Amino acid sequence: MFLFSIDYFMQSMFSCKNGKQFYVNSIKDECSYAIKRRLLDLGFTKGQAVRKIKTSLLNKVVLVEIRGYLLSLKSIIADYILLEEK
């Protein structure tokens, strides 16, 4: 019997390590509808492979690779995206 929740395996994009590949699990509920819609339009759908390239010097911007293109996200928005390792 496991004594931890499913959220144990999920982490936000901002907190994951650079250079590793993750898969999108969900977008947090506290995210506004406009931001959630925009993230879905950019390709952050469930099961999509994402690789975090690097974080800016002051931890304000995150550079990610998704669907073959590079995308920079503010750290506040990157914190809404929940990822998992497979």
PDB file of N, CA and C in Angstrom:
ATOM      1  N   MET A   1       0.842  -1.185   0.000  1.00  0.00           N
ATOM      2  CA  MET A   1       0.000   0.000   0.000  1.00  0.00           C
ATOM      3  C   MET A   1       0.881   1.239   0.000  1.00  0.00           C
ATOM      4  N   PHE A   2       0.539   2.176  -0.858  1.00  0.00           N
ATOM      5  CA  PHE A   2       1.310   3.404  -0.971  1.00  0.00           C
ATOM      6  C   PHE A   2       0.703   4.484  -0.095  1.00  0.00           C
ATOM      7  N   LEU A   3       1.550   5.219   0.593  1.00  0.00           N
ATOM      8  CA  LEU A   3       1.087   6.237   1.518  1.00  0.00           C
ATOM      9  C   LEU A   3       1.329   7.658   1.011  1.00  0.00           C
ATOM     10  N   PHE A   4       1.514   7.822  -0.287  1.00  0.00           N
ATOM     11  CA  PHE A   4       1.709   9.161  -0.828  1.00  0.00           C
ATOM     12  C   PHE A   4       0.698   9.399  -1.935  1.00  0.00           C
ATOM     13  N   SER A   5       0.461  10.655  -2.203  1.00  0.00           N
ATOM     14  CA  SER A   5      -0.542  10.997  -3.204  1.00  0.00           C
ATOM     15  C   SER A   5       0.068  10.969  -4.600  1.00  0.00           C
ATOM     16  N   ILE A   6      -0.774  11.058  -5.600  1.00  0.00           N
ATOM     17  CA  ILE A   6      -0.334  11.084  -6.987  1.00  0.00           C
ATOM     18  C   ILE A   6       0.477  12.349  -7.255  1.00  0.00           C
ATOM     19  N   ASP A   7       0.194  13.440  -6.537  1.00  0.00           N
ATOM     20  CA  ASP A   7       0.904  14.690  -6.732  1.00  0.00           C
ATOM     21  C   ASP A   7       2.388  14.585  -6.367  1.00  0.00           C
ATOM     22  N   TYR A   8       2.772  13.524  -5.668  1.00  0.00           N
ATOM     23  CA  TYR A   8       4.173  13.338  -5.297  1.00  0.00           C
ATOM     24  C   TYR A   8       5.064  13.224  -6.539  1.00  0.00           C
ATOM     25  N   PHE A   9       4.555  12.612  -7.595  1.00  0.00           N
ATOM     26  CA  PHE A   9       5.335  12.408  -8.806  1.00  0.00           C
ATOM     27  C   PHE A   9       5.312  13.613  -9.727  1.00  0.00           C
ATOM     28  N   MET A  10       4.433  14.565  -9.483  1.00  0.00           N
ATOM     29  CA  MET A  10       4.326  15.740 -10.338  1.00  0.00           C
ATOM     30  C   MET A  10       5.130  16.893  -9.745  1.00  0.00           C
ATOM     31  N   GLN A  11       5.704  17.687 -10.619  1.00  0.00           N
ATOM     32  CA  GLN A  11       6.412  18.878 -10.184  1.00  0.00           C
ATOM     33  C   GLN A  11       6.172  19.969 -11.206  1.00  0.00           C
ATOM     34  N   SER A  12       6.278  21.192 -10.762  1.00  0.00           N
ATOM     35  CA  SER A  12       6.066  22.303 -11.686  1.00  0.00           C
ATOM     36  C   SER A  12       7.280  22.441 -12.598  1.00  0.00           C
ATOM     37  N   MET A  13       7.061  23.054 -13.735  1.00  0.00           N
ATOM     38  CA  MET A  13       8.141  23.225 -14.694  1.00  0.00           C
ATOM     39  C   MET A  13       9.262  24.071 -14.116  1.00  0.00           C
ATOM     40  N   PHE A  14       8.918  25.033 -13.299  1.00  0.00           N
ATOM     41  CA  PHE A  14       9.936  25.906 -12.728  1.00  0.00           C
ATOM     42  C   PHE A  14      10.860  25.147 -11.784  1.00  0.00           C
ATOM     43  N   SER A  15      10.357  24.139 -11.083  1.00  0.00           N
ATOM     44  CA  SER A  15      11.162  23.433 -10.084  1.00  0.00           C
ATOM     45  C   SER A  15      11.906  22.219 -10.637  1.00  0.00           C
ATOM     46  N   CYS A  16      11.693  21.823 -11.883  1.00  0.00           N
ATOM     47  CA  CYS A  16      12.379  20.644 -12.415  1.00  0.00           C
ATOM     48  C   CYS A  16      13.786  21.004 -12.893  1.00  0.00           C
ATOM     49  N   LYS A  17      14.613  19.994 -13.115  1.00  0.00           N
ATOM     50  CA  LYS A  17      16.020  20.194 -13.461  1.00  0.00           C
ATOM     51  C   LYS A  17      16.183  20.570 -14.929  1.00  0.00           C
ATOM     52  N   ASN A  18      17.250  21.312 -15.208  1.00  0.00           N
ATOM     53  CA  ASN A  18      17.577  21.700 -16.574  1.00  0.00           C
ATOM     54  C   ASN A  18      18.077  20.507 -17.372  1.00  0.00           C
ATOM     55  N   GLY A  19      17.715  20.453 -18.663  1.00  0.00           N
ATOM     56  CA  GLY A  19      18.217  19.430 -19.560  1.00  0.00           C
ATOM     57  C   GLY A  19      17.467  18.115 -19.542  1.00  0.00           C
ATOM     58  N   LYS A  20      16.554  17.903 -18.623  1.00  0.00           N
ATOM     59  CA  LYS A  20      15.826  16.646 -18.537  1.00  0.00           C
ATOM     60  C   LYS A  20      14.512  16.743 -19.303  1.00  0.00           C
ATOM     61  N   GLN A  21      14.046  15.599 -19.785  1.00  0.00           N
ATOM     62  CA  GLN A  21      12.781  15.549 -20.503  1.00  0.00           C
ATOM     63  C   GLN A  21      11.665  15.115 -19.556  1.00  0.00           C
ATOM     64  N   PHE A  22      10.562  15.835 -19.621  1.00  0.00           N
ATOM     65  CA  PHE A  22       9.384  15.556 -18.805  1.00  0.00           C
ATOM     66  C   PHE A  22       8.168  15.490 -19.709  1.00  0.00           C
ATOM     67  N   TYR A  23       7.050  15.100 -19.143  1.00  0.00           N
ATOM     68  CA  TYR A  23       5.795  15.030 -19.876  1.00  0.00           C
ATOM     69  C   TYR A  23       4.750  15.853 -19.144  1.00  0.00           C
ATOM     70  N   VAL A  24       3.960  16.588 -19.894  1.00  0.00           N
ATOM     71  CA  VAL A  24       2.936  17.447 -19.302  1.00  0.00           C
ATOM     72  C   VAL A  24       1.853  16.568 -18.697  1.00  0.00           C
ATOM     73  N   ASN A  25       1.520  16.839 -17.449  1.00  0.00           N
ATOM     74  CA  ASN A  25       0.440  16.118 -16.789  1.00  0.00           C
ATOM     75  C   ASN A  25      -0.817  16.968 -16.745  1.00  0.00           C
ATOM     76  N   SER A  26      -0.699  18.210 -16.296  1.00  0.00           N
ATOM     77  CA  SER A  26      -1.863  19.086 -16.221  1.00  0.00           C
ATOM     78  C   SER A  26      -1.412  20.522 -16.003  1.00  0.00           C
ATOM     79  N   ILE A  27      -2.385  21.404 -16.003  1.00  0.00           N
ATOM     80  CA  ILE A  27      -2.166  22.807 -15.663  1.00  0.00           C
ATOM     81  C   ILE A  27      -2.956  23.070 -14.396  1.00  0.00           C
ATOM     82  N   LYS A  28      -2.347  23.761 -13.449  1.00  0.00           N
ATOM     83  CA  LYS A  28      -2.974  23.974 -12.144  1.00  0.00           C
ATOM     84  C   LYS A  28      -4.308  24.696 -12.284  1.00  0.00           C
ATOM     85  N   ASP A  29      -5.205  24.428 -11.347  1.00  0.00           N
ATOM     86  CA  ASP A  29      -6.543  25.025 -11.371  1.00  0.00           C
ATOM     87  C   ASP A  29      -6.545  26.502 -11.031  1.00  0.00           C
ATOM     88  N   GLU A  30      -5.572  26.972 -10.252  1.00  0.00           N
ATOM     89  CA  GLU A  30      -5.558  28.388  -9.885  1.00  0.00           C
ATOM     90  C   GLU A  30      -5.093  29.290 -11.031  1.00  0.00           C
ATOM     91  N   CYS A  31      -4.687  28.695 -12.135  1.00  0.00           N
ATOM     92  CA  CYS A  31      -4.309  29.454 -13.335  1.00  0.00           C
ATOM     93  C   CYS A  31      -5.558  30.082 -13.955  1.00  0.00           C
ATOM     94  N   SER A  32      -5.447  31.321 -14.422  1.00  0.00           N
ATOM     95  CA  SER A  32      -6.602  31.975 -15.031  1.00  0.00           C
ATOM     96  C   SER A  32      -6.955  31.289 -16.350  1.00  0.00           C
ATOM     97  N   TYR A  33      -8.190  31.472 -16.782  1.00  0.00           N
ATOM     98  CA  TYR A  33      -8.657  30.819 -18.003  1.00  0.00           C
ATOM     99  C   TYR A  33      -7.865  31.286 -19.221  1.00  0.00           C
ATOM    100  N   ALA A  34      -7.542  32.568 -19.293  1.00  0.00           N
ATOM    101  CA  ALA A  34      -6.819  33.111 -20.452  1.00  0.00           C
ATOM    102  C   ALA A  34      -5.418  32.502 -20.559  1.00  0.00           C
ATOM    103  N   ILE A  35      -4.726  32.372 -19.438  1.00  0.00           N
ATOM    104  CA  ILE A  35      -3.385  31.783 -19.462  1.00  0.00           C
ATOM    105  C   ILE A  35      -3.469  30.296 -19.787  1.00  0.00           C
ATOM    106  N   LYS A  36      -4.445  29.596 -19.213  1.00  0.00           N
ATOM    107  CA  LYS A  36      -4.610  28.169 -19.489  1.00  0.00           C
ATOM    108  C   LYS A  36      -4.899  27.934 -20.969  1.00  0.00           C
ATOM    109  N   ARG A  37      -5.750  28.752 -21.543  1.00  0.00           N
ATOM    110  CA  ARG A  37      -6.090  28.640 -22.962  1.00  0.00           C
ATOM    111  C   ARG A  37      -4.859  28.879 -23.839  1.00  0.00           C
ATOM    112  N   ARG A  38      -4.067  29.872 -23.476  1.00  0.00           N
ATOM    113  CA  ARG A  38      -2.863  30.191 -24.246  1.00  0.00           C
ATOM    114  C   ARG A  38      -1.840  29.063 -24.160  1.00  0.00           C
ATOM    115  N   LEU A  39      -1.658  28.481 -22.975  1.00  0.00           N
ATOM    116  CA  LEU A  39      -0.730  27.363 -22.825  1.00  0.00           C
ATOM    117  C   LEU A  39      -1.170  26.163 -23.648  1.00  0.00           C
ATOM    118  N   LEU A  40      -2.464  25.903 -23.688  1.00  0.00           N
ATOM    119  CA  LEU A  40      -2.968  24.808 -24.513  1.00  0.00           C
ATOM    120  C   LEU A  40      -2.748  25.091 -25.991  1.00  0.00           C
ATOM    121  N   ASP A  41      -2.912  26.340 -26.409  1.00  0.00           N
ATOM    122  CA  ASP A  41      -2.668  26.717 -27.799  1.00  0.00           C
ATOM    123  C   ASP A  41      -1.198  26.571 -28.175  1.00  0.00           C
ATOM    124  N   LEU A  42      -0.299  26.799 -27.218  1.00  0.00           N
ATOM    125  CA  LEU A  42       1.129  26.665 -27.466  1.00  0.00           C
ATOM    126  C   LEU A  42       1.581  25.207 -27.510  1.00  0.00           C
ATOM    127  N   GLY A  43       0.734  24.281 -27.099  1.00  0.00           N
ATOM    128  CA  GLY A  43       1.066  22.866 -27.202  1.00  0.00           C
ATOM    129  C   GLY A  43       1.264  22.141 -25.894  1.00  0.00           C
ATOM    130  N   PHE A  44       0.945  22.752 -24.781  1.00  0.00           N
ATOM    131  CA  PHE A  44       1.099  22.104 -23.475  1.00  0.00           C
ATOM    132  C   PHE A  44      -0.122  21.248 -23.174  1.00  0.00           C
ATOM    133  N   THR A  45      -0.286  20.176 -23.949  1.00  0.00           N
ATOM    134  CA  THR A  45      -1.393  19.247 -23.741  1.00  0.00           C
ATOM    135  C   THR A  45      -0.886  18.031 -22.973  1.00  0.00           C
ATOM    136  N   LYS A  46      -1.796  17.275 -22.394  1.00  0.00           N
ATOM    137  CA  LYS A  46      -1.429  16.146 -21.551  1.00  0.00           C
ATOM    138  C   LYS A  46      -0.655  15.104 -22.352  1.00  0.00           C
ATOM    139  N   GLY A  47       0.478  14.687 -21.796  1.00  0.00           N
ATOM    140  CA  GLY A  47       1.310  13.672 -22.419  1.00  0.00           C
ATOM    141  C   GLY A  47       2.361  14.206 -23.376  1.00  0.00           C
ATOM    142  N   GLN A  48       2.374  15.497 -23.621  1.00  0.00           N
ATOM    143  CA  GLN A  48       3.341  16.089 -24.544  1.00  0.00           C
ATOM    144  C   GLN A  48       4.724  16.168 -23.902  1.00  0.00           C
ATOM    145  N   ALA A  49       5.752  15.785 -24.658  1.00  0.00           N
ATOM    146  CA  ALA A  49       7.135  15.821 -24.149  1.00  0.00           C
ATOM    147  C   ALA A  49       7.642  17.259 -24.123  1.00  0.00           C
ATOM    148  N   VAL A  50       8.285  17.629 -23.010  1.00  0.00           N
ATOM    149  CA  VAL A  50       8.830  18.967 -22.807  1.00  0.00           C
ATOM    150  C   VAL A  50      10.232  18.805 -22.234  1.00  0.00           C
ATOM    151  N   ARG A  51      11.165  19.625 -22.713  1.00  0.00           N
ATOM    152  CA  ARG A  51      12.522  19.604 -22.160  1.00  0.00           C
ATOM    153  C   ARG A  51      12.866  21.008 -21.700  1.00  0.00           C
ATOM    154  N   LYS A  52      13.247  21.123 -20.441  1.00  0.00           N
ATOM    155  CA  LYS A  52      13.654  22.414 -19.890  1.00  0.00           C
ATOM    156  C   LYS A  52      15.110  22.637 -20.244  1.00  0.00           C
ATOM    157  N   ILE A  53      15.375  23.704 -21.001  1.00  0.00           N
ATOM    158  CA  ILE A  53      16.728  23.983 -21.469  1.00  0.00           C
ATOM    159  C   ILE A  53      17.531  24.696 -20.374  1.00  0.00           C
ATOM    160  N   LYS A  54      17.049  25.847 -19.934  1.00  0.00           N
ATOM    161  CA  LYS A  54      17.757  26.572 -18.878  1.00  0.00           C
ATOM    162  C   LYS A  54      16.844  27.618 -18.247  1.00  0.00           C
ATOM    163  N   THR A  55      17.329  28.168 -17.150  1.00  0.00           N
ATOM    164  CA  THR A  55      16.636  29.219 -16.417  1.00  0.00           C
ATOM    165  C   THR A  55      17.512  30.460 -16.431  1.00  0.00           C
ATOM    166  N   SER A  56      16.890  31.624 -16.455  1.00  0.00           N
ATOM    167  CA  SER A  56      17.666  32.867 -16.492  1.00  0.00           C
ATOM    168  C   SER A  56      18.433  33.061 -15.180  1.00  0.00           C
ATOM    169  N   LEU A  57      19.324  33.992 -15.213  1.00  0.00           N
ATOM    170  CA  LEU A  57      20.207  34.236 -14.075  1.00  0.00           C
ATOM    171  C   LEU A  57      19.438  34.598 -12.805  1.00  0.00           C
ATOM    172  N   LEU A  58      18.404  35.399 -12.930  1.00  0.00           N
ATOM    173  CA  LEU A  58      17.625  35.822 -11.767  1.00  0.00           C
ATOM    174  C   LEU A  58      16.347  34.997 -11.560  1.00  0.00           C
ATOM    175  N   ASN A  59      16.258  33.854 -12.238  1.00  0.00           N
ATOM    176  CA  ASN A  59      15.092  32.954 -12.134  1.00  0.00           C
ATOM    177  C   ASN A  59      13.785  33.636 -12.521  1.00  0.00           C
ATOM    178  N   LYS A  60      13.829  34.492 -13.518  1.00  0.00           N
ATOM    179  CA  LYS A  60      12.617  35.176 -13.984  1.00  0.00           C
ATOM    180  C   LYS A  60      12.024  34.519 -15.224  1.00  0.00           C
ATOM    181  N   VAL A  61      12.867  33.862 -16.040  1.00  0.00           N
ATOM    182  CA  VAL A  61      12.436  33.291 -17.316  1.00  0.00           C
ATOM    183  C   VAL A  61      12.954  31.863 -17.435  1.00  0.00           C
ATOM    184  N   VAL A  62      12.129  30.989 -18.032  1.00  0.00           N
ATOM    185  CA  VAL A  62      12.492  29.593 -18.250  1.00  0.00           C
ATOM    186  C   VAL A  62      12.442  29.334 -19.755  1.00  0.00           C
ATOM    187  N   LEU A  63      13.483  28.707 -20.293  1.00  0.00           N
ATOM    188  CA  LEU A  63      13.537  28.348 -21.704  1.00  0.00           C
ATOM    189  C   LEU A  63      13.230  26.864 -21.830  1.00  0.00           C
ATOM    190  N   VAL A  64      12.205  26.523 -22.616  1.00  0.00           N
ATOM    191  CA  VAL A  64      11.789  25.133 -22.784  1.00  0.00           C
ATOM    192  C   VAL A  64      11.714  24.795 -24.270  1.00  0.00           C
ATOM    193  N   GLU A  65      11.829  23.501 -24.554  1.00  0.00           N
ATOM    194  CA  GLU A  65      11.639  23.004 -25.912  1.00  0.00           C
ATOM    195  C   GLU A  65      10.400  22.129 -25.919  1.00  0.00           C
ATOM    196  N   ILE A  66       9.447  22.456 -26.779  1.00  0.00           N
ATOM    197  CA  ILE A  66       8.213  21.696 -26.900  1.00  0.00           C
ATOM    198  C   ILE A  66       7.812  21.654 -28.364  1.00  0.00           C
ATOM    199  N   ARG A  67       7.480  20.474 -28.840  1.00  0.00           N
ATOM    200  CA  ARG A  67       7.050  20.259 -30.225  1.00  0.00           C
ATOM    201  C   ARG A  67       8.043  20.805 -31.249  1.00  0.00           C
ATOM    202  N   GLY A  68       9.339  20.742 -30.927  1.00  0.00           N
ATOM    203  CA  GLY A  68      10.371  21.131 -31.873  1.00  0.00           C
ATOM    204  C   GLY A  68      10.730  22.603 -31.907  1.00  0.00           C
ATOM    205  N   TYR A  69      10.155  23.416 -31.058  1.00  0.00           N
ATOM    206  CA  TYR A  69      10.527  24.827 -31.028  1.00  0.00           C
ATOM    207  C   TYR A  69      10.872  25.254 -29.612  1.00  0.00           C
ATOM    208  N   LEU A  70      11.649  26.338 -29.519  1.00  0.00           N
ATOM    209  CA  LEU A  70      12.050  26.877 -28.218  1.00  0.00           C
ATOM    210  C   LEU A  70      11.070  27.955 -27.801  1.00  0.00           C
ATOM    211  N   LEU A  71      10.745  27.962 -26.525  1.00  0.00           N
ATOM    212  CA  LEU A  71       9.757  28.880 -25.990  1.00  0.00           C
ATOM    213  C   LEU A  71      10.250  29.393 -24.643  1.00  0.00           C
ATOM    214  N   SER A  72      10.142  30.683 -24.425  1.00  0.00           N
ATOM    215  CA  SER A  72      10.502  31.231 -23.120  1.00  0.00           C
ATOM    216  C   SER A  72       9.228  31.614 -22.378  1.00  0.00           C
ATOM    217  N   LEU A  73       9.177  31.237 -21.118  1.00  0.00           N
ATOM    218  CA  LEU A  73       8.015  31.494 -20.266  1.00  0.00           C
ATOM    219  C   LEU A  73       8.459  32.232 -19.014  1.00  0.00           C
ATOM    220  N   LYS A  74       7.622  33.123 -18.529  1.00  0.00           N
ATOM    221  CA  LYS A  74       7.888  33.735 -17.232  1.00  0.00           C
ATOM    222  C   LYS A  74       7.798  32.645 -16.171  1.00  0.00           C
ATOM    223  N   SER A  75       8.582  32.794 -15.118  1.00  0.00           N
ATOM    224  CA  SER A  75       8.615  31.758 -14.086  1.00  0.00           C
ATOM    225  C   SER A  75       7.268  31.594 -13.388  1.00  0.00           C
ATOM    226  N   ILE A  76       6.494  32.656 -13.294  1.00  0.00           N
ATOM    227  CA  ILE A  76       5.166  32.572 -12.672  1.00  0.00           C
ATOM    228  C   ILE A  76       4.246  31.681 -13.498  1.00  0.00           C
ATOM    229  N   ILE A  77       4.319  31.818 -14.815  1.00  0.00           N
ATOM    230  CA  ILE A  77       3.484  31.003 -15.701  1.00  0.00           C
ATOM    231  C   ILE A  77       4.012  29.575 -15.758  1.00  0.00           C
ATOM    232  N   ALA A  78       5.333  29.398 -15.767  1.00  0.00           N
ATOM    233  CA  ALA A  78       5.917  28.055 -15.794  1.00  0.00           C
ATOM    234  C   ALA A  78       5.571  27.272 -14.536  1.00  0.00           C
ATOM    235  N   ASP A  79       5.315  27.962 -13.448  1.00  0.00           N
ATOM    236  CA  ASP A  79       4.950  27.300 -12.200  1.00  0.00           C
ATOM    237  C   ASP A  79       3.552  26.677 -12.267  1.00  0.00           C
ATOM    238  N   TYR A  80       2.709  27.109 -13.196  1.00  0.00           N
ATOM    239  CA  TYR A  80       1.361  26.549 -13.341  1.00  0.00           C
ATOM    240  C   TYR A  80       1.358  25.192 -14.039  1.00  0.00           C
ATOM    241  N   ILE A  81       2.416  24.858 -14.766  1.00  0.00           N
ATOM    242  CA  ILE A  81       2.458  23.639 -15.567  1.00  0.00           C
ATOM    243  C   ILE A  81       3.024  22.497 -14.723  1.00  0.00           C
ATOM    244  N   LEU A  82       2.257  21.431 -14.566  1.00  0.00           N
ATOM    245  CA  LEU A  82       2.691  20.273 -13.795  1.00  0.00           C
ATOM    246  C   LEU A  82       3.232  19.213 -14.729  1.00  0.00           C
ATOM    247  N   LEU A  83       4.439  18.742 -14.429  1.00  0.00           N
ATOM    248  CA  LEU A  83       5.127  17.756 -15.257  1.00  0.00           C
ATOM    249  C   LEU A  83       5.373  16.481 -14.480  1.00  0.00           C
ATOM    250  N   GLU A  84       5.625  15.393 -15.221  1.00  0.00           N
ATOM    251  CA  GLU A  84       5.967  14.127 -14.599  1.00  0.00           C
ATOM    252  C   GLU A  84       7.036  13.445 -15.425  1.00  0.00           C
ATOM    253  N   GLU A  85       7.827  12.586 -14.784  1.00  0.00           N
ATOM    254  CA  GLU A  85       8.829  11.762 -15.474  1.00  0.00           C
ATOM    255  C   GLU A  85       8.201  10.421 -15.792  1.00  0.00           C
ATOM    256  N   LYS A  86       8.606   9.854 -16.902  1.00  0.00           N
ATOM    257  CA  LYS A  86       8.118   8.508 -17.236  1.00  0.00           C
ATOM    258  C   LYS A  86       9.256   7.567 -17.408  1.00  0.00           C
TER     259      LYS A  86
END
